């Protein structure tokens, strides 16, 4: 199985048509419902920044204290963002997930 490769650069181009944007959204939707994973290209995030994000995430998961993780717990924060321990995720009344997770969104300036 290969993961879908989806170019989202039209979302950064103000001349993109609604049809083009909908087509990309449809590809993401399909990928989420079929494979559950996909690669994004054309996002404009520099490789160095991607590497820093991965490095910081790994350090938090491996070396972060229980207090640091609890402070960022998804169970105590709104907007479905934060750290989620194994077993915190519940689907259909049953705990799911075999790995801890971090759910983040970009910081939005006012």
PDB file of N, CA and C in Angstrom:
ATOM      1  N   UNK A   1       0.847  -1.178   0.000  1.00  0.00           N
ATOM      2  CA  UNK A   1       0.000   0.000   0.000  1.00  0.00           C
ATOM      3  C   UNK A   1       0.890   1.238   0.000  1.00  0.00           C
ATOM      4  N   UNK A   2       0.540   2.205  -0.782  1.00  0.00           N
ATOM      5  CA  UNK A   2       1.260   3.478  -0.773  1.00  0.00           C
ATOM      6  C   UNK A   2       0.319   4.563  -0.257  1.00  0.00           C
ATOM      7  N   UNK A   3       0.926   5.574   0.347  1.00  0.00           N
ATOM      8  CA  UNK A   3       0.138   6.679   0.885  1.00  0.00           C
ATOM      9  C   UNK A   3      -0.085   7.734  -0.184  1.00  0.00           C
ATOM     10  N   UNK A   4      -1.275   8.324  -0.215  1.00  0.00           N
ATOM     11  CA  UNK A   4      -1.545   9.380  -1.189  1.00  0.00           C
ATOM     12  C   UNK A   4      -0.643  10.591  -0.965  1.00  0.00           C
ATOM     13  N   UNK A   5      -0.237  11.203  -2.048  1.00  0.00           N
ATOM     14  CA  UNK A   5       0.565  12.423  -2.047  1.00  0.00           C
ATOM     15  C   UNK A   5      -0.353  13.537  -2.553  1.00  0.00           C
ATOM     16  N   UNK A   6      -0.641  14.517  -1.702  1.00  0.00           N
ATOM     17  CA  UNK A   6      -1.624  15.549  -2.036  1.00  0.00           C
ATOM     18  C   UNK A   6      -0.967  16.919  -1.996  1.00  0.00           C
ATOM     19  N   UNK A   7      -1.033  17.616  -3.120  1.00  0.00           N
ATOM     20  CA  UNK A   7      -0.457  18.958  -3.245  1.00  0.00           C
ATOM     21  C   UNK A   7      -1.501  19.990  -2.828  1.00  0.00           C
ATOM     22  N   UNK A   8      -1.192  20.723  -1.758  1.00  0.00           N
ATOM     23  CA  UNK A   8      -2.142  21.728  -1.265  1.00  0.00           C
ATOM     24  C   UNK A   8      -1.738  23.154  -1.645  1.00  0.00           C
ATOM     25  N   UNK A   9      -0.758  23.294  -2.527  1.00  0.00           N
ATOM     26  CA  UNK A   9      -0.295  24.637  -2.900  1.00  0.00           C
ATOM     27  C   UNK A   9      -1.403  25.535  -3.452  1.00  0.00           C
ATOM     28  N   UNK A  10      -2.433  25.005  -4.127  1.00  0.00           N
ATOM     29  CA  UNK A  10      -3.500  25.903  -4.568  1.00  0.00           C
ATOM     30  C   UNK A  10      -4.188  26.659  -3.428  1.00  0.00           C
ATOM     31  N   UNK A  11      -4.146  26.130  -2.206  1.00  0.00           N
ATOM     32  CA  UNK A  11      -4.731  26.853  -1.077  1.00  0.00           C
ATOM     33  C   UNK A  11      -3.930  28.101  -0.725  1.00  0.00           C
ATOM     34  N   UNK A  12      -2.682  28.160  -1.178  1.00  0.00           N
ATOM     35  CA  UNK A  12      -1.834  29.330  -0.935  1.00  0.00           C
ATOM     36  C   UNK A  12      -1.855  30.305  -2.105  1.00  0.00           C
ATOM     37  N   UNK A  13      -2.615  29.981  -3.126  1.00  0.00           N
ATOM     38  CA  UNK A  13      -2.696  30.793  -4.341  1.00  0.00           C
ATOM     39  C   UNK A  13      -4.093  31.410  -4.432  1.00  0.00           C
ATOM     40  N   UNK A  14      -4.168  32.715  -4.296  1.00  0.00           N
ATOM     41  CA  UNK A  14      -5.474  33.396  -4.284  1.00  0.00           C
ATOM     42  C   UNK A  14      -6.229  33.283  -5.604  1.00  0.00           C
ATOM     43  N   UNK A  15      -5.553  32.875  -6.675  1.00  0.00           N
ATOM     44  CA  UNK A  15      -6.239  32.742  -7.959  1.00  0.00           C
ATOM     45  C   UNK A  15      -6.835  31.348  -8.165  1.00  0.00           C
ATOM     46  N   UNK A  16      -6.679  30.461  -7.187  1.00  0.00           N
ATOM     47  CA  UNK A  16      -7.236  29.109  -7.314  1.00  0.00           C
ATOM     48  C   UNK A  16      -8.757  29.159  -7.318  1.00  0.00           C
ATOM     49  N   UNK A  17      -9.337  28.316  -8.137  1.00  0.00           N
ATOM     50  CA  UNK A  17     -10.797  28.281  -8.235  1.00  0.00           C
ATOM     51  C   UNK A  17     -11.395  27.456  -7.094  1.00  0.00           C
ATOM     52  N   UNK A  18     -12.636  27.722  -6.754  1.00  0.00           N
ATOM     53  CA  UNK A  18     -13.308  26.907  -5.737  1.00  0.00           C
ATOM     54  C   UNK A  18     -13.334  25.422  -6.115  1.00  0.00           C
ATOM     55  N   UNK A  19     -13.451  25.149  -7.409  1.00  0.00           N
ATOM     56  CA  UNK A  19     -13.477  23.759  -7.866  1.00  0.00           C
ATOM     57  C   UNK A  19     -12.146  23.056  -7.593  1.00  0.00           C
ATOM     58  N   UNK A  20     -11.047  23.782  -7.817  1.00  0.00           N
ATOM     59  CA  UNK A  20      -9.722  23.219  -7.543  1.00  0.00           C
ATOM     60  C   UNK A  20      -9.568  22.927  -6.059  1.00  0.00           C
ATOM     61  N   UNK A  21      -9.969  23.871  -5.230  1.00  0.00           N
ATOM     62  CA  UNK A  21      -9.856  23.690  -3.785  1.00  0.00           C
ATOM     63  C   UNK A  21     -10.745  22.546  -3.303  1.00  0.00           C
ATOM     64  N   UNK A  22     -11.933  22.437  -3.863  1.00  0.00           N
ATOM     65  CA  UNK A  22     -12.834  21.342  -3.485  1.00  0.00           C
ATOM     66  C   UNK A  22     -12.245  19.999  -3.892  1.00  0.00           C
ATOM     67  N   UNK A  23     -11.604  19.953  -5.044  1.00  0.00           N
ATOM     68  CA  UNK A  23     -10.967  18.716  -5.504  1.00  0.00           C
ATOM     69  C   UNK A  23      -9.894  18.251  -4.517  1.00  0.00           C
ATOM     70  N   UNK A  24      -9.108  19.192  -4.020  1.00  0.00           N
ATOM     71  CA  UNK A  24      -8.070  18.855  -3.038  1.00  0.00           C
ATOM     72  C   UNK A  24      -8.719  18.391  -1.736  1.00  0.00           C
ATOM     73  N   UNK A  25      -9.742  19.100  -1.305  1.00  0.00           N
ATOM     74  CA  UNK A  25     -10.450  18.707  -0.079  1.00  0.00           C
ATOM     75  C   UNK A  25     -11.028  17.302  -0.225  1.00  0.00           C
ATOM     76  N   UNK A  26     -11.543  16.990  -1.398  1.00  0.00           N
ATOM     77  CA  UNK A  26     -12.086  15.651  -1.651  1.00  0.00           C
ATOM     78  C   UNK A  26     -10.992  14.590  -1.564  1.00  0.00           C
ATOM     79  N   UNK A  27      -9.805  14.907  -2.072  1.00  0.00           N
ATOM     80  CA  UNK A  27      -8.681  13.962  -1.994  1.00  0.00           C
ATOM     81  C   UNK A  27      -8.283  13.712  -0.541  1.00  0.00           C
ATOM     82  N   UNK A  28      -8.254  14.765   0.251  1.00  0.00           N
ATOM     83  CA  UNK A  28      -7.921  14.610   1.673  1.00  0.00           C
ATOM     84  C   UNK A  28      -8.996  13.777   2.370  1.00  0.00           C
ATOM     85  N   UNK A  29     -10.245  14.064   2.081  1.00  0.00           N
ATOM     86  CA  UNK A  29     -11.353  13.306   2.668  1.00  0.00           C
ATOM     87  C   UNK A  29     -11.246  11.823   2.318  1.00  0.00           C
ATOM     88  N   UNK A  30     -10.997  11.535   1.053  1.00  0.00           N
ATOM     89  CA  UNK A  30     -10.863  10.144   0.613  1.00  0.00           C
ATOM     90  C   UNK A  30      -9.695   9.459   1.310  1.00  0.00           C
ATOM     91  N   UNK A  31      -8.573  10.155   1.398  1.00  0.00           N
ATOM     92  CA  UNK A  31      -7.395   9.578   2.062  1.00  0.00           C
ATOM     93  C   UNK A  31      -7.690   9.282   3.531  1.00  0.00           C
ATOM     94  N   UNK A  32      -8.377  10.186   4.192  1.00  0.00           N
ATOM     95  CA  UNK A  32      -8.707   9.975   5.607  1.00  0.00           C
ATOM     96  C   UNK A  32      -9.630   8.775   5.787  1.00  0.00           C
ATOM     97  N   UNK A  33     -10.530   8.576   4.858  1.00  0.00           N
ATOM     98  CA  UNK A  33     -11.496   7.487   4.986  1.00  0.00           C
ATOM     99  C   UNK A  33     -10.958   6.154   4.498  1.00  0.00           C
ATOM    100  N   UNK A  34      -9.921   6.161   3.663  1.00  0.00           N
ATOM    101  CA  UNK A  34      -9.404   4.900   3.124  1.00  0.00           C
ATOM    102  C   UNK A  34      -8.125   4.468   3.839  1.00  0.00           C
ATOM    103  N   UNK A  35      -7.030   5.167   3.593  1.00  0.00           N
ATOM    104  CA  UNK A  35      -5.762   4.775   4.218  1.00  0.00           C
ATOM    105  C   UNK A  35      -5.609   5.341   5.620  1.00  0.00           C
ATOM    106  N   UNK A  36      -6.247   6.479   5.887  1.00  0.00           N
ATOM    107  CA  UNK A  36      -6.112   7.116   7.192  1.00  0.00           C
ATOM    108  C   UNK A  36      -4.901   8.021   7.300  1.00  0.00           C
ATOM    109  N   UNK A  37      -4.052   7.999   6.301  1.00  0.00           N
ATOM    110  CA  UNK A  37      -2.831   8.800   6.304  1.00  0.00           C
ATOM    111  C   UNK A  37      -2.581   9.325   4.903  1.00  0.00           C
ATOM    112  N   UNK A  38      -1.791  10.399   4.811  1.00  0.00           N
ATOM    113  CA  UNK A  38      -1.421  10.948   3.511  1.00  0.00           C
ATOM    114  C   UNK A  38      -0.240  11.873   3.693  1.00  0.00           C
ATOM    115  N   UNK A  39       0.441  12.141   2.595  1.00  0.00           N
ATOM    116  CA  UNK A  39       1.533  13.113   2.577  1.00  0.00           C
ATOM    117  C   UNK A  39       1.013  14.397   1.954  1.00  0.00           C
ATOM    118  N   UNK A  40       1.378  15.542   2.541  1.00  0.00           N
ATOM    119  CA  UNK A  40       1.042  16.839   1.960  1.00  0.00           C
ATOM    120  C   UNK A  40       2.285  17.445   1.349  1.00  0.00           C
ATOM    121  N   UNK A  41       2.136  17.996   0.162  1.00  0.00           N
ATOM    122  CA  UNK A  41       3.206  18.760  -0.475  1.00  0.00           C
ATOM    123  C   UNK A  41       2.653  20.145  -0.781  1.00  0.00           C
ATOM    124  N   UNK A  42       3.550  21.051  -1.115  1.00  0.00           N
ATOM    125  CA  UNK A  42       3.124  22.388  -1.495  1.00  0.00           C
ATOM    126  C   UNK A  42       2.635  23.226  -0.334  1.00  0.00           C
ATOM    127  N   UNK A  43       2.997  22.861   0.883  1.00  0.00           N
ATOM    128  CA  UNK A  43       2.521  23.581   2.068  1.00  0.00           C
ATOM    129  C   UNK A  43       3.394  24.772   2.421  1.00  0.00           C
ATOM    130  N   UNK A  44       4.611  24.809   1.912  1.00  0.00           N
ATOM    131  CA  UNK A  44       5.487  25.945   2.155  1.00  0.00           C
ATOM    132  C   UNK A  44       6.244  25.915   3.472  1.00  0.00           C
ATOM    133  N   UNK A  45       6.133  24.838   4.241  1.00  0.00           N
ATOM    134  CA  UNK A  45       6.867  24.747   5.506  1.00  0.00           C
ATOM    135  C   UNK A  45       8.285  24.274   5.187  1.00  0.00           C
ATOM    136  N   UNK A  46       9.292  25.080   5.515  1.00  0.00           N
ATOM    137  CA  UNK A  46      10.670  24.708   5.196  1.00  0.00           C
ATOM    138  C   UNK A  46      11.081  23.398   5.884  1.00  0.00           C
ATOM    139  N   UNK A  47      11.945  22.637   5.220  1.00  0.00           N
ATOM    140  CA  UNK A  47      12.409  21.357   5.746  1.00  0.00           C
ATOM    141  C   UNK A  47      13.038  21.526   7.127  1.00  0.00           C
ATOM    142  N   UNK A  48      13.794  22.589   7.330  1.00  0.00           N
ATOM    143  CA  UNK A  48      14.427  22.818   8.637  1.00  0.00           C
ATOM    144  C   UNK A  48      13.372  22.959   9.733  1.00  0.00           C
ATOM    145  N   UNK A  49      12.286  23.642   9.432  1.00  0.00           N
ATOM    146  CA  UNK A  49      11.214  23.810  10.422  1.00  0.00           C
ATOM    147  C   UNK A  49      10.495  22.483  10.678  1.00  0.00           C
ATOM    148  N   UNK A  50      10.290  21.701   9.624  1.00  0.00           N
ATOM    149  CA  UNK A  50       9.687  20.379   9.791  1.00  0.00           C
ATOM    150  C   UNK A  50      10.544  19.515  10.714  1.00  0.00           C
ATOM    151  N   UNK A  51      11.850  19.540  10.493  1.00  0.00           N
ATOM    152  CA  UNK A  51      12.777  18.761  11.319  1.00  0.00           C
ATOM    153  C   UNK A  51      12.734  19.213  12.772  1.00  0.00           C
ATOM    154  N   UNK A  52      12.670  20.516  12.994  1.00  0.00           N
ATOM    155  CA  UNK A  52      12.605  21.053  14.356  1.00  0.00           C
ATOM    156  C   UNK A  52      11.322  20.621  15.059  1.00  0.00           C
ATOM    157  N   UNK A  53      10.220  20.632  14.341  1.00  0.00           N
ATOM    158  CA  UNK A  53       8.939  20.210  14.916  1.00  0.00           C
ATOM    159  C   UNK A  53       9.001  18.740  15.326  1.00  0.00           C
ATOM    160  N   UNK A  54       9.533  17.894  14.447  1.00  0.00           N
ATOM    161  CA  UNK A  54       9.641  16.471  14.768  1.00  0.00           C
ATOM    162  C   UNK A  54      10.570  16.233  15.946  1.00  0.00           C
ATOM    163  N   UNK A  55      11.685  16.944  15.973  1.00  0.00           N
ATOM    164  CA  UNK A  55      12.652  16.807  17.061  1.00  0.00           C
ATOM    165  C   UNK A  55      12.040  17.231  18.399  1.00  0.00           C
ATOM    166  N   UNK A  56      11.340  18.343  18.400  1.00  0.00           N
ATOM    167  CA  UNK A  56      10.704  18.841  19.617  1.00  0.00           C
ATOM    168  C   UNK A  56       9.620  17.876  20.100  1.00  0.00           C
ATOM    169  N   UNK A  57       8.853  17.337  19.177  1.00  0.00           N
ATOM    170  CA  UNK A  57       7.800  16.386  19.528  1.00  0.00           C
ATOM    171  C   UNK A  57       8.388  15.124  20.140  1.00  0.00           C
ATOM    172  N   UNK A  58       9.429  14.588  19.498  1.00  0.00           N
ATOM    173  CA  UNK A  58      10.082  13.387  20.043  1.00  0.00           C
ATOM    174  C   UNK A  58      10.623  13.648  21.446  1.00  0.00           C
ATOM    175  N   UNK A  59      11.265  14.787  21.636  1.00  0.00           N
ATOM    176  CA  UNK A  59      11.832  15.117  22.950  1.00  0.00           C
ATOM    177  C   UNK A  59      10.732  15.193  24.005  1.00  0.00           C
ATOM    178  N   UNK A  60       9.606  15.795  23.659  1.00  0.00           N
ATOM    179  CA  UNK A  60       8.490  15.888  24.600  1.00  0.00           C
ATOM    180  C   UNK A  60       7.964  14.500  24.959  1.00  0.00           C
ATOM    181  N   UNK A  61       7.774  13.651  23.954  1.00  0.00           N
ATOM    182  CA  UNK A  61       7.226  12.322  24.211  1.00  0.00           C
ATOM    183  C   UNK A  61       8.176  11.453  25.023  1.00  0.00           C
ATOM    184  N   UNK A  62       9.481  11.584  24.773  1.00  0.00           N
ATOM    185  CA  UNK A  62      10.472  10.745  25.453  1.00  0.00           C
ATOM    186  C   UNK A  62      10.885  11.327  26.801  1.00  0.00           C
ATOM    187  N   UNK A  63      11.168  12.622  26.838  1.00  0.00           N
ATOM    188  CA  UNK A  63      11.765  13.235  28.026  1.00  0.00           C
ATOM    189  C   UNK A  63      10.828  14.122  28.833  1.00  0.00           C
ATOM    190  N   UNK A  64       9.652  14.405  28.305  1.00  0.00           N
ATOM    191  CA  UNK A  64       8.728  15.287  29.021  1.00  0.00           C
ATOM    192  C   UNK A  64       8.287  14.674  30.341  1.00  0.00           C
ATOM    193  N   UNK A  65       8.179  15.502  31.357  1.00  0.00           N
ATOM    194  CA  UNK A  65       7.744  15.017  32.668  1.00  0.00           C
ATOM    195  C   UNK A  65       6.234  14.797  32.664  1.00  0.00           C
ATOM    196  N   UNK A  66       5.765  14.025  33.630  1.00  0.00           N
ATOM    197  CA  UNK A  66       4.323  13.813  33.758  1.00  0.00           C
ATOM    198  C   UNK A  66       3.595  15.139  33.952  1.00  0.00           C
ATOM    199  N   UNK A  67       4.200  16.046  34.719  1.00  0.00           N
ATOM    200  CA  UNK A  67       3.579  17.355  34.967  1.00  0.00           C
ATOM    201  C   UNK A  67       3.475  18.161  33.674  1.00  0.00           C
ATOM    202  N   UNK A  68       4.518  18.126  32.839  1.00  0.00           N
ATOM    203  CA  UNK A  68       4.479  18.851  31.561  1.00  0.00           C
ATOM    204  C   UNK A  68       3.403  18.268  30.653  1.00  0.00           C
ATOM    205  N   UNK A  69       3.322  16.958  30.617  1.00  0.00           N
ATOM    206  CA  UNK A  69       2.324  16.312  29.765  1.00  0.00           C
ATOM    207  C   UNK A  69       0.912  16.591  30.272  1.00  0.00           C
ATOM    208  N   UNK A  70       0.728  16.554  31.580  1.00  0.00           N
ATOM    209  CA  UNK A  70      -0.589  16.835  32.149  1.00  0.00           C
ATOM    210  C   UNK A  70      -1.015  18.275  31.867  1.00  0.00           C
ATOM    211  N   UNK A  71      -0.063  19.199  31.900  1.00  0.00           N
ATOM    212  CA  UNK A  71      -0.374  20.606  31.624  1.00  0.00           C
ATOM    213  C   UNK A  71      -0.882  20.797  30.199  1.00  0.00           C
ATOM    214  N   UNK A  72      -0.476  19.913  29.300  1.00  0.00           N
ATOM    215  CA  UNK A  72      -0.899  20.001  27.904  1.00  0.00           C
ATOM    216  C   UNK A  72      -1.926  18.939  27.538  1.00  0.00           C
ATOM    217  N   UNK A  73      -2.506  18.285  28.537  1.00  0.00           N
ATOM    218  CA  UNK A  73      -3.429  17.185  28.294  1.00  0.00           C
ATOM    219  C   UNK A  73      -4.651  17.640  27.506  1.00  0.00           C
ATOM    220  N   UNK A  74      -5.017  16.834  26.542  1.00  0.00           N
ATOM    221  CA  UNK A  74      -6.203  17.115  25.736  1.00  0.00           C
ATOM    222  C   UNK A  74      -7.469  17.057  26.595  1.00  0.00           C
ATOM    223  N   UNK A  75      -7.391  16.358  27.732  1.00  0.00           N
ATOM    224  CA  UNK A  75      -8.564  16.244  28.608  1.00  0.00           C
ATOM    225  C   UNK A  75      -8.818  17.511  29.407  1.00  0.00           C
ATOM    226  N   UNK A  76      -7.823  18.399  29.498  1.00  0.00           N
ATOM    227  CA  UNK A  76      -7.997  19.637  30.262  1.00  0.00           C
ATOM    228  C   UNK A  76      -7.951  20.884  29.387  1.00  0.00           C
ATOM    229  N   UNK A  77      -7.837  20.696  28.084  1.00  0.00           N
ATOM    230  CA  UNK A  77      -7.783  21.826  27.156  1.00  0.00           C
ATOM    231  C   UNK A  77      -8.940  21.746  26.170  1.00  0.00           C
ATOM    232  N   UNK A  78      -9.396  22.876  25.727  1.00  0.00           N
ATOM    233  CA  UNK A  78     -10.468  22.927  24.737  1.00  0.00           C
ATOM    234  C   UNK A  78      -9.911  22.768  23.329  1.00  0.00           C
ATOM    235  N   UNK A  79     -10.787  22.666  22.385  1.00  0.00           N
ATOM    236  CA  UNK A  79     -10.463  22.693  20.961  1.00  0.00           C
ATOM    237  C   UNK A  79      -9.757  21.433  20.476  1.00  0.00           C
ATOM    238  N   UNK A  80      -9.870  20.326  21.193  1.00  0.00           N
ATOM    239  CA  UNK A  80      -9.279  19.051  20.767  1.00  0.00           C
ATOM    240  C   UNK A  80      -7.799  19.180  20.438  1.00  0.00           C
ATOM    241  N   UNK A  81      -7.078  19.943  21.254  1.00  0.00           N
ATOM    242  CA  UNK A  81      -5.637  20.092  21.072  1.00  0.00           C
ATOM    243  C   UNK A  81      -4.939  19.656  22.342  1.00  0.00           C
ATOM    244  N   UNK A  82      -3.762  19.108  22.192  1.00  0.00           N
ATOM    245  CA  UNK A  82      -2.960  18.782  23.349  1.00  0.00           C
ATOM    246  C   UNK A  82      -2.416  17.374  23.321  1.00  0.00           C
ATOM    247  N   UNK A  83      -1.904  16.949  24.467  1.00  0.00           N
ATOM    248  CA  UNK A  83      -1.288  15.636  24.629  1.00  0.00           C
ATOM    249  C   UNK A  83      -2.353  14.633  25.038  1.00  0.00           C
ATOM    250  N   UNK A  84      -2.262  13.436  24.479  1.00  0.00           N
ATOM    251  CA  UNK A  84      -3.218  12.388  24.809  1.00  0.00           C
ATOM    252  C   UNK A  84      -2.447  11.111  25.150  1.00  0.00           C
ATOM    253  N   UNK A  85      -2.586  10.674  26.405  1.00  0.00           N
ATOM    254  CA  UNK A  85      -1.906   9.449  26.840  1.00  0.00           C
ATOM    255  C   UNK A  85      -2.571   8.225  26.222  1.00  0.00           C
ATOM    256  N   UNK A  86      -1.851   7.102  26.254  1.00  0.00           N
ATOM    257  CA  UNK A  86      -2.431   5.835  25.828  1.00  0.00           C
ATOM    258  C   UNK A  86      -3.663   5.575  26.689  1.00  0.00           C
ATOM    259  N   UNK A  87      -4.765   5.246  26.034  1.00  0.00           N
ATOM    260  CA  UNK A  87      -5.996   4.948  26.758  1.00  0.00           C
ATOM    261  C   UNK A  87      -6.897   6.140  26.991  1.00  0.00           C
ATOM    262  N   UNK A  88      -6.403   7.372  26.754  1.00  0.00           N
ATOM    263  CA  UNK A  88      -7.253   8.556  26.928  1.00  0.00           C
ATOM    264  C   UNK A  88      -8.314   8.658  25.840  1.00  0.00           C
ATOM    265  N   UNK A  89      -7.985   8.182  24.648  1.00  0.00           N
ATOM    266  CA  UNK A  89      -8.926   8.266  23.541  1.00  0.00           C
ATOM    267  C   UNK A  89     -10.004   7.200  23.722  1.00  0.00           C
ATOM    268  N   UNK A  90     -11.252   7.603  23.616  1.00  0.00           N
ATOM    269  CA  UNK A  90     -12.361   6.672  23.772  1.00  0.00           C
ATOM    270  C   UNK A  90     -13.247   6.787  22.544  1.00  0.00           C
ATOM    271  N   UNK A  91     -13.485   5.647  21.902  1.00  0.00           N
ATOM    272  CA  UNK A  91     -14.355   5.596  20.737  1.00  0.00           C
ATOM    273  C   UNK A  91     -15.421   4.543  21.008  1.00  0.00           C
ATOM    274  N   UNK A  92     -16.652   4.926  20.906  1.00  0.00           N
ATOM    275  CA  UNK A  92     -17.733   3.986  21.161  1.00  0.00           C
ATOM    276  C   UNK A  92     -17.708   3.420  22.569  1.00  0.00           C
ATOM    277  N   UNK A  93     -17.247   4.231  23.530  1.00  0.00           N
ATOM    278  CA  UNK A  93     -17.224   3.800  24.914  1.00  0.00           C
ATOM    279  C   UNK A  93     -16.058   2.899  25.285  1.00  0.00           C
ATOM    280  N   UNK A  94     -15.135   2.663  24.344  1.00  0.00           N
ATOM    281  CA  UNK A  94     -13.986   1.800  24.611  1.00  0.00           C
ATOM    282  C   UNK A  94     -12.694   2.568  24.374  1.00  0.00           C
ATOM    283  N   UNK A  95     -11.717   2.387  25.261  1.00  0.00           N
ATOM    284  CA  UNK A  95     -10.416   3.041  25.044  1.00  0.00           C
ATOM    285  C   UNK A  95      -9.777   2.549  23.748  1.00  0.00           C
ATOM    286  N   UNK A  96      -9.181   3.462  23.007  1.00  0.00           N
ATOM    287  CA  UNK A  96      -8.504   3.108  21.763  1.00  0.00           C
ATOM    288  C   UNK A  96      -7.127   3.751  21.751  1.00  0.00           C
ATOM    289  N   UNK A  97      -6.331   3.338  20.831  1.00  0.00           N
ATOM    290  CA  UNK A  97      -5.004   3.922  20.676  1.00  0.00           C
ATOM    291  C   UNK A  97      -3.954   3.122  21.415  1.00  0.00           C
ATOM    292  N   UNK A  98      -2.826   2.935  20.756  1.00  0.00           N
ATOM    293  CA  UNK A  98      -1.729   2.177  21.345  1.00  0.00           C
ATOM    294  C   UNK A  98      -0.490   3.020  21.543  1.00  0.00           C
ATOM    295  N   UNK A  99      -0.574   4.291  21.178  1.00  0.00           N
ATOM    296  CA  UNK A  99       0.557   5.204  21.329  1.00  0.00           C
ATOM    297  C   UNK A  99       0.048   6.543  21.831  1.00  0.00           C
ATOM    298  N   UNK A 100       0.891   7.268  22.551  1.00  0.00           N
ATOM    299  CA  UNK A 100       0.484   8.624  22.930  1.00  0.00           C
ATOM    300  C   UNK A 100       0.401   9.495  21.682  1.00  0.00           C
ATOM    301  N   UNK A 101      -0.376  10.537  21.745  1.00  0.00           N
ATOM    302  CA  UNK A 101      -0.576  11.412  20.591  1.00  0.00           C
ATOM    303  C   UNK A 101      -0.468  12.865  20.998  1.00  0.00           C
ATOM    304  N   UNK A 102      -0.127  13.689  20.029  1.00  0.00           N
ATOM    305  CA  UNK A 102      -0.136  15.132  20.220  1.00  0.00           C
ATOM    306  C   UNK A 102      -0.973  15.720  19.094  1.00  0.00           C
ATOM    307  N   UNK A 103      -1.994  16.463  19.455  1.00  0.00           N
ATOM    308  CA  UNK A 103      -2.853  17.105  18.475  1.00  0.00           C
ATOM    309  C   UNK A 103      -2.633  18.598  18.561  1.00  0.00           C
ATOM    310  N   UNK A 104      -2.135  19.189  17.512  1.00  0.00           N
ATOM    311  CA  UNK A 104      -1.817  20.610  17.521  1.00  0.00           C
ATOM    312  C   UNK A 104      -2.375  21.277  16.272  1.00  0.00           C
ATOM    313  N   UNK A 105      -2.623  22.542  16.402  1.00  0.00           N
ATOM    314  CA  UNK A 105      -2.976  23.396  15.281  1.00  0.00           C
ATOM    315  C   UNK A 105      -1.983  24.539  15.269  1.00  0.00           C
ATOM    316  N   UNK A 106      -1.801  25.171  14.114  1.00  0.00           N
ATOM    317  CA  UNK A 106      -0.854  26.288  14.089  1.00  0.00           C
ATOM    318  C   UNK A 106      -1.322  27.429  14.977  1.00  0.00           C
ATOM    319  N   UNK A 107      -0.377  28.166  15.509  1.00  0.00           N
ATOM    320  CA  UNK A 107      -0.701  29.357  16.294  1.00  0.00           C
ATOM    321  C   UNK A 107      -1.252  30.413  15.347  1.00  0.00           C
ATOM    322  N   UNK A 108      -2.399  30.932  15.660  1.00  0.00           N
ATOM    323  CA  UNK A 108      -3.017  31.952  14.820  1.00  0.00           C
ATOM    324  C   UNK A 108      -2.883  33.302  15.500  1.00  0.00           C
ATOM    325  N   UNK A 109      -2.269  34.236  14.819  1.00  0.00           N
ATOM    326  CA  UNK A 109      -2.127  35.582  15.366  1.00  0.00           C
ATOM    327  C   UNK A 109      -3.449  36.319  15.257  1.00  0.00           C
ATOM    328  N   UNK A 110      -3.747  37.214  16.215  1.00  0.00           N
ATOM    329  CA  UNK A 110      -5.011  37.967  16.152  1.00  0.00           C
ATOM    330  C   UNK A 110      -5.056  38.902  14.957  1.00  0.00           C
TER     331      UNK A 110
END
